[in-house]
């Protein structure tokens, strides 16, 4: 028998590769209710395998096939742990919305050659959990002429719109992206909402601190806060051709990575302390977001994703956007840690209901389309 609840699970494994966000969401009311959420760790071996797959290498198809199943098994373990902690049975879940792990995102190729690839086999996930799974959300939008990203703006519009102020929803994961929600948003969100990637979020800062401090990330941005921004280096970073590109646009590790940073530092040609590089990378994220979002004249910037927990970065954003207010999405009722996972639970619900999940004004698709494939439980 089908579930009698409106429970959905969203799974998100982002560019930062800092674990799997799993969120159990109740859609019984107009506003989604977060029932329970966990961050499930990736093993060191699996994380390194995924990083390797994010760049071209030898024997890729063989490695991809194996990691595809390994990741799906880890997704299933995350779902089981989430259900255990919430004391909810698999039979009560309508569906899982699994973003998968992006290992290649190439919307910049010639027309007819663009592609995006997320792994974490949904067949295996449905089989191991006994829960209908919705996955492969991005490729249908790309088939309709879109970038396949970002997809969260449709959820942002449903969750965070305001009649009294224009808001920019800023997600800072590995990459950063913005969604502009005009006040008194019209019912035709396909035309009114604008969203796009602004460039690196945490990905360069994480890679740099891992190299020099041997830690996964710069906690609270303390290391960056102790350095000094190099204005010349920042200006050089901002010369990258992605930043002035007009939307729709999206990016990923294929573009912004440690090799990109090493090349930039080599071209700079001057000695610079590692801590000052970290400070400059933090300022790069803040200033590139500010340049991208200033056109919307927002009255508030609502930050979600891991960047919302970076005290130094939030301070820089506050300076960049003053006098507009910069807040975490927690202040609007949804923890910044779980917004993207909840978004993919929402997208799964939209798919089951045969409603479109993309916004053409965001992705550049020719029309709204239903996103994702359904993999039944049994």
Protein backbone atom coordinates (compact mmCIF):
# COMPACT_ATOMS: atom_id res chain seq x y z
CA UNK A 1 0.00 0.00 0.00
CA UNK A 2 1.20 3.56 -0.66
CA UNK A 3 2.31 5.71 2.31
CA UNK A 4 -0.46 7.57 4.14
CA UNK A 5 1.93 10.37 5.13
CA UNK A 6 3.42 13.31 3.24
CA UNK A 7 6.96 12.44 4.29
CA UNK A 8 9.77 12.84 1.76
CA UNK A 9 13.53 12.51 2.16
CA UNK A 10 16.01 14.80 0.43
CA UNK A 11 19.64 13.78 -0.10
CA UNK A 12 22.32 16.28 -1.03
CA UNK A 13 26.00 15.64 -1.63
CA UNK A 14 27.50 18.89 -2.85
CA UNK A 15 30.66 20.23 -4.42
CA UNK A 16 32.41 20.50 -1.07
CA UNK A 17 32.28 16.70 -0.58
CA UNK A 18 31.90 17.28 3.16
CA UNK A 19 29.30 14.54 3.67
CA UNK A 20 25.71 13.66 2.77
CA UNK A 21 22.95 15.93 4.02
CA UNK A 22 19.81 13.87 4.61
CA UNK A 23 16.56 15.60 5.53
CA UNK A 24 13.18 14.11 6.43
CA UNK A 25 10.46 16.59 5.48
CA UNK A 26 6.72 16.66 6.15
CA UNK A 27 4.71 18.35 3.39
CA UNK A 28 1.32 18.01 5.10
CA UNK A 29 1.00 21.80 5.37
CA UNK A 30 1.71 24.71 3.03
CA UNK A 31 5.08 25.29 4.69
CA UNK A 32 7.39 22.24 4.73
CA UNK A 33 8.29 21.00 8.19
CA UNK A 34 11.77 19.62 8.79
CA UNK A 35 11.20 16.52 10.93
CA UNK A 36 14.78 15.31 11.25
CA UNK A 37 18.14 15.77 9.52
CA UNK A 38 21.64 14.33 9.69
CA UNK A 39 24.99 14.83 8.04
CA UNK A 40 26.29 11.39 7.12
CA UNK A 41 30.06 11.18 6.58
CA UNK A 42 31.75 9.97 3.43
CA UNK A 43 34.65 7.62 3.99
CA UNK A 44 38.06 9.05 3.18
CA UNK A 45 38.47 6.49 0.41
CA UNK A 46 35.11 7.31 -1.18
CA UNK A 47 35.74 11.06 -0.93
CA UNK A 48 39.11 10.71 -2.67
CA UNK A 49 37.54 8.52 -5.36
CA UNK A 50 34.91 11.16 -6.01
CA UNK A 51 37.49 13.94 -6.16
CA UNK A 52 39.47 11.93 -8.69
CA UNK A 53 36.37 11.44 -10.84
CA UNK A 54 35.74 15.18 -10.88
CA UNK A 55 38.73 15.66 -13.20
CA UNK A 56 39.65 13.70 -16.34
CA UNK A 57 41.83 10.66 -15.77
CA UNK A 58 42.60 7.10 -16.84
CA UNK A 59 40.14 4.20 -16.80
CA UNK A 60 37.30 6.55 -15.88
CA UNK A 61 34.40 4.34 -16.93
CA UNK A 62 35.55 1.43 -14.77
CA UNK A 63 36.11 3.68 -11.77
CA UNK A 64 32.84 5.53 -12.31
CA UNK A 65 30.86 2.29 -12.40
CA UNK A 66 32.27 1.14 -9.10
CA UNK A 67 31.98 4.48 -7.29
CA UNK A 68 28.42 4.90 -8.60
CA UNK A 69 27.36 1.81 -6.61
CA UNK A 70 29.54 2.58 -3.59
CA UNK A 71 28.02 6.04 -3.29
CA UNK A 72 24.46 4.71 -3.66
CA UNK A 73 25.15 2.24 -0.87
CA UNK A 74 26.37 5.10 1.32
CA UNK A 75 23.24 7.10 0.43
CA UNK A 76 21.16 4.10 1.55
CA UNK A 77 23.08 3.93 4.84
CA UNK A 78 22.37 7.63 5.39
CA UNK A 79 18.64 7.08 4.79
CA UNK A 80 18.54 4.16 7.21
CA UNK A 81 20.35 6.17 9.88
CA UNK A 82 17.98 9.11 9.38
CA UNK A 83 14.91 6.87 9.70
CA UNK A 84 16.33 5.21 12.80
CA UNK A 85 16.95 8.53 14.53
CA UNK A 86 13.50 9.83 13.56
CA UNK A 87 11.80 6.55 14.55
CA UNK A 88 10.07 6.45 11.15
CA UNK A 89 9.67 3.36 8.97
CA UNK A 90 10.56 3.19 5.29
CA UNK A 91 6.91 2.40 4.52
CA UNK A 92 5.93 5.87 5.72
CA UNK A 93 8.12 7.65 3.15
CA UNK A 94 6.54 8.72 -0.14
CA UNK A 95 9.86 9.10 -1.96
CA UNK A 96 13.52 9.98 -1.72
CA UNK A 97 14.80 12.91 -3.76
CA UNK A 98 18.48 12.21 -4.44
CA UNK A 99 20.60 14.91 -6.03
CA UNK A 100 23.53 12.53 -6.45
CA UNK A 101 27.14 13.63 -6.65
CA UNK A 102 28.06 15.84 -9.59
CA UNK A 103 31.26 14.59 -11.16
CA UNK A 104 31.04 16.63 -14.37
CA UNK A 105 28.98 19.69 -15.30
CA UNK A 106 29.60 21.07 -18.79
CA UNK A 107 26.89 23.53 -19.86
CA UNK A 108 29.60 25.59 -21.56
CA UNK A 109 30.09 23.18 -24.49
CA UNK A 110 28.69 23.72 -27.97
CA UNK A 111 24.95 23.43 -28.55
CA UNK A 112 24.03 19.75 -28.66
CA UNK A 113 27.12 18.67 -26.70
CA UNK A 114 26.34 20.06 -23.22
CA UNK A 115 25.97 17.51 -20.46
CA UNK A 116 25.88 17.07 -16.72
CA UNK A 117 26.46 13.88 -14.74
CA UNK A 118 25.43 13.02 -11.18
CA UNK A 119 26.19 9.57 -9.77
CA UNK A 120 24.88 7.49 -6.87
CA UNK A 121 22.83 4.79 -8.65
CA UNK A 122 19.12 5.34 -7.85
CA UNK A 123 18.29 1.72 -8.71
CA UNK A 124 20.57 0.55 -5.91
CA UNK A 125 19.25 3.23 -3.55
CA UNK A 126 15.61 2.21 -4.13
CA UNK A 127 16.47 -1.48 -3.77
CA UNK A 128 18.46 -1.10 -0.53
CA UNK A 129 15.99 1.23 1.18
CA UNK A 130 12.70 -0.10 -0.13
CA UNK A 131 11.68 3.50 -0.91
CA UNK A 132 10.71 4.95 -4.28
CA UNK A 133 13.58 7.16 -5.42
CA UNK A 134 13.58 10.22 -7.67
CA UNK A 135 16.95 11.14 -9.18
CA UNK A 136 18.69 12.58 -12.25
CA UNK A 137 17.05 15.98 -11.83
CA UNK A 138 19.34 18.10 -13.98
CA UNK A 139 19.50 16.48 -17.39
CA UNK A 140 15.90 17.12 -18.46
CA UNK A 141 16.37 20.86 -17.99
CA UNK A 142 19.57 20.65 -20.04
CA UNK A 143 17.74 18.68 -22.75
CA UNK A 144 15.29 21.60 -22.90
CA UNK A 145 18.17 24.00 -23.56
CA UNK A 146 18.93 24.96 -19.97
CA UNK A 147 22.07 24.92 -17.85
CA UNK A 148 20.68 22.18 -15.60
CA UNK A 149 21.51 24.47 -12.67
CA UNK A 150 20.80 25.99 -10.31
CA UNK A 151 17.61 24.10 -9.40
CA UNK A 152 17.05 25.34 -5.85
CA UNK A 153 15.55 28.74 -6.90
CA UNK A 154 12.12 27.18 -7.54
CA UNK A 155 12.13 25.95 -3.94
CA UNK A 156 13.51 29.27 -2.69
CA UNK A 157 10.56 31.02 -4.33
CA UNK A 158 8.10 28.64 -2.67
CA UNK A 159 9.77 28.91 0.74
CA UNK A 160 11.23 32.39 1.18
CA UNK A 161 9.23 34.88 -0.91
CA UNK A 162 8.14 38.06 0.87
CA UNK A 163 5.44 40.62 0.06
CA UNK A 164 7.29 43.36 1.89
CA UNK A 165 10.90 43.16 0.67
CA UNK A 166 13.10 42.02 -2.19
CA UNK A 167 15.26 39.15 -1.00
CA UNK A 168 18.34 37.50 -2.41
CA UNK A 169 18.74 33.91 -1.30
CA UNK A 170 22.45 33.13 -1.28
CA UNK A 171 23.52 29.52 -1.14
CA UNK A 172 27.20 29.05 -0.34
CA UNK A 173 28.34 25.49 -0.77
CA UNK A 174 31.37 24.54 -2.82
CA UNK A 175 30.06 27.03 -5.35
CA UNK A 176 27.88 30.05 -4.59
CA UNK A 177 24.58 30.86 -6.24
CA UNK A 178 21.94 33.53 -5.82
CA UNK A 179 18.18 33.64 -6.26
CA UNK A 180 16.48 37.03 -6.54
CA UNK A 181 12.94 37.05 -5.14
CA UNK A 182 11.23 40.39 -5.90
CA UNK A 183 8.74 41.57 -3.29
CA UNK A 184 5.12 40.89 -4.14
CA UNK A 185 6.32 38.11 -6.40
CA UNK A 186 3.82 37.45 -9.19
CA UNK A 187 2.17 34.09 -9.55
CA UNK A 188 4.14 33.61 -12.76
CA UNK A 189 7.42 32.75 -11.04
CA UNK A 190 8.77 31.48 -14.37
CA UNK A 191 9.36 35.10 -15.40
CA UNK A 192 9.93 36.86 -12.08
CA UNK A 193 12.61 34.76 -10.38
CA UNK A 194 16.25 35.08 -11.46
CA UNK A 195 19.05 32.85 -10.22
CA UNK A 196 22.54 31.78 -11.24
CA UNK A 197 25.93 30.69 -9.96
CA UNK A 198 28.20 33.56 -8.93
CA UNK A 199 31.46 31.60 -8.74
CA UNK A 200 33.38 29.84 -5.98
CA UNK A 201 31.83 29.56 -2.55
CA UNK A 202 33.85 27.40 -0.19
CA UNK A 203 35.66 25.20 -2.69
CA UNK A 204 38.88 27.23 -3.05
CA UNK A 205 39.08 28.14 0.64
CA UNK A 206 38.60 24.49 1.59
CA UNK A 207 41.27 23.28 -0.84
CA UNK A 208 43.77 25.92 0.34
CA UNK A 209 43.28 25.29 4.06
CA UNK A 210 43.52 21.53 3.49
CA UNK A 211 46.89 22.02 1.80
CA UNK A 212 48.37 24.39 4.39
CA UNK A 213 46.59 23.63 7.66
CA UNK A 214 45.76 19.95 7.17
CA UNK A 215 42.12 20.43 8.14
CA UNK A 216 38.92 19.91 6.17
CA UNK A 217 37.81 23.53 6.28
CA UNK A 218 38.58 26.88 7.87
CA UNK A 219 36.34 26.72 10.95
CA UNK A 220 34.44 29.99 11.40
CA UNK A 221 36.86 31.49 8.85
CA UNK A 222 39.38 32.04 11.65
CA UNK A 223 42.43 31.54 9.45
CA UNK A 224 41.10 33.88 6.76
CA UNK A 225 40.23 36.47 9.41
CA UNK A 226 43.85 36.48 10.62
CA UNK A 227 45.19 37.32 7.15
CA UNK A 228 45.19 40.44 4.98
CA UNK A 229 43.43 40.73 1.63
CA UNK A 230 45.82 41.32 -1.26
CA UNK A 231 43.91 43.79 -3.44
CA UNK A 232 46.03 43.12 -6.54
CA UNK A 233 45.56 39.37 -6.29
CA UNK A 234 41.83 39.81 -5.75
CA UNK A 235 41.60 41.95 -8.86
CA UNK A 236 43.45 39.28 -10.82
CA UNK A 237 41.06 36.58 -9.58
CA UNK A 238 38.11 38.70 -10.70
CA UNK A 239 39.51 38.91 -14.24
CA UNK A 240 38.43 35.29 -14.78
CA UNK A 241 35.98 35.24 -17.68
CA UNK A 242 33.26 33.51 -15.65
CA UNK A 243 32.53 36.53 -13.45
CA UNK A 244 31.41 39.06 -16.12
CA UNK A 245 29.46 36.40 -18.04
CA UNK A 246 25.74 37.14 -18.17
CA UNK A 247 23.19 34.67 -16.79
CA UNK A 248 22.01 32.03 -17.18
CA UNK A 249 25.28 30.57 -15.98
CA UNK A 250 26.53 27.80 -13.73
CA UNK A 251 29.91 26.41 -12.78
CA UNK A 252 31.66 23.75 -10.73
CA UNK A 253 34.94 22.05 -9.84
CA UNK A 254 35.72 21.73 -13.53
CA UNK A 255 36.45 25.47 -13.53
CA UNK A 256 37.26 26.57 -9.98
CA UNK A 257 39.69 24.17 -8.32
CA UNK A 258 43.14 24.00 -6.78
CA UNK A 259 44.78 23.85 -10.22
CA UNK A 260 43.00 27.11 -11.13
CA UNK A 261 44.27 28.71 -7.93
CA UNK A 262 47.83 27.49 -8.46
CA UNK A 263 47.79 28.92 -11.98
CA UNK A 264 46.51 32.26 -10.70
CA UNK A 265 49.25 32.42 -8.06
CA UNK A 266 51.88 31.52 -10.64
CA UNK A 267 50.68 34.31 -12.94
CA UNK A 268 50.66 36.76 -10.03
CA UNK A 269 54.40 36.21 -9.74
CA UNK A 270 54.84 37.68 -6.25
CA UNK A 271 55.40 35.92 -2.96
CA UNK A 272 52.31 36.00 -0.77
CA UNK A 273 51.75 34.38 2.61
CA UNK A 274 49.32 31.42 2.57
CA UNK A 275 47.14 33.08 5.23
CA UNK A 276 46.80 36.17 3.02
CA UNK A 277 45.77 33.97 0.11
CA UNK A 278 43.02 32.54 2.34
CA UNK A 279 41.83 36.02 3.30
CA UNK A 280 41.78 37.00 -0.37
CA UNK A 281 39.79 33.89 -1.30
CA UNK A 282 37.21 34.74 1.34
CA UNK A 283 36.96 38.26 -0.06
CA UNK A 284 36.68 36.81 -3.57
CA UNK A 285 33.56 34.89 -2.60
CA UNK A 286 32.01 37.92 -0.89
CA UNK A 287 32.87 40.46 -3.59
CA UNK A 288 31.84 38.24 -6.52
CA UNK A 289 28.48 37.62 -4.84
CA UNK A 290 28.06 41.36 -4.21
CA UNK A 291 28.82 42.24 -7.84
CA UNK A 292 26.36 39.63 -9.08
CA UNK A 293 23.52 40.52 -6.71
CA UNK A 294 23.83 44.32 -6.54
CA UNK A 295 21.65 44.77 -9.64
CA UNK A 296 18.64 43.46 -7.70
CA UNK A 297 18.91 46.09 -4.92
CA UNK A 298 17.96 43.55 -2.23
CA UNK A 299 16.75 44.69 1.17
CA UNK A 300 17.91 41.44 2.75
CA UNK A 301 20.32 38.64 1.85
CA UNK A 302 19.37 35.25 3.25
CA UNK A 303 22.36 32.91 3.43
CA UNK A 304 22.16 29.12 3.45
CA UNK A 305 24.68 26.32 3.00
CA UNK A 306 27.95 25.82 4.84
CA UNK A 307 29.05 29.40 4.18
CA UNK A 308 26.39 30.63 6.61
CA UNK A 309 28.51 29.13 9.41
CA UNK A 310 31.66 30.95 8.33
CA UNK A 311 31.79 33.97 10.66
CA UNK A 312 34.49 35.74 8.65
CA UNK A 313 32.63 35.31 5.37
CA UNK A 314 29.34 36.49 6.88
CA UNK A 315 31.15 39.59 8.20
CA UNK A 316 32.54 40.31 4.74
CA UNK A 317 29.09 39.88 3.19
CA UNK A 318 27.64 42.27 5.75
CA UNK A 319 30.21 44.86 4.73
CA UNK A 320 29.67 44.29 1.02
CA UNK A 321 25.88 44.57 1.18
CA UNK A 322 25.47 47.32 3.80
CA UNK A 323 22.92 48.80 4.49
CA UNK A 324 20.96 45.70 3.46
CA UNK A 325 20.71 43.04 6.16
CA UNK A 326 22.56 39.73 5.89
CA UNK A 327 20.98 36.86 7.82
CA UNK A 328 21.09 33.07 7.88
CA UNK A 329 17.99 31.21 6.70
CA UNK A 330 17.60 30.00 10.29
CA UNK A 331 15.99 33.38 10.96
CA UNK A 332 13.23 32.50 8.48
CA UNK A 333 12.52 29.12 10.03
CA UNK A 334 14.74 26.72 8.09
CA UNK A 335 18.28 25.90 9.20
CA UNK A 336 20.94 26.98 6.71
CA UNK A 337 22.48 23.52 7.02
CA UNK A 338 19.51 21.73 5.45
CA UNK A 339 18.02 24.06 2.83
CA UNK A 340 19.40 22.18 -0.18
CA UNK A 341 18.46 18.74 1.16
CA UNK A 342 14.92 19.99 1.84
CA UNK A 343 14.88 21.45 -1.69
CA UNK A 344 15.48 18.02 -3.22
CA UNK A 345 12.77 16.48 -1.06
CA UNK A 346 10.51 19.22 -2.49
CA UNK A 347 11.67 18.50 -6.04
CA UNK A 348 10.89 14.80 -5.52
CA UNK A 349 7.36 15.75 -4.46
CA UNK A 350 6.99 17.96 -7.53
CA UNK A 351 8.12 15.06 -9.74
CA UNK A 352 5.68 12.60 -8.19
CA UNK A 353 2.90 15.16 -8.73
CA UNK A 354 4.00 15.71 -12.37
CA UNK A 355 4.71 19.40 -11.76
CA UNK A 356 7.63 21.21 -13.37
CA UNK A 357 10.64 21.80 -11.13
CA UNK A 358 12.80 24.15 -13.18
CA UNK A 359 12.52 27.88 -13.74
CA UNK A 360 13.42 28.84 -17.34
CA UNK A 361 14.26 32.40 -16.20
CA UNK A 362 16.97 30.81 -14.06
CA UNK A 363 18.36 27.96 -16.12
CA UNK A 364 17.70 29.31 -19.62
CA UNK A 365 15.56 26.32 -20.61
CA UNK A 366 13.03 26.82 -23.39
CA UNK A 367 10.13 25.88 -21.12
CA UNK A 368 9.21 24.48 -17.70
CA UNK A 369 9.76 20.72 -17.55
CA UNK A 370 9.15 17.91 -15.08
CA UNK A 371 12.51 16.96 -13.56
CA UNK A 372 13.88 13.59 -12.55
CA UNK A 373 13.35 9.91 -13.16
CA UNK A 374 11.30 7.69 -10.84
CA UNK A 375 12.72 4.39 -9.56
CA UNK A 376 9.89 2.51 -7.79
CA UNK A 377 10.46 0.77 -4.48
CA UNK A 378 9.16 -2.63 -5.48
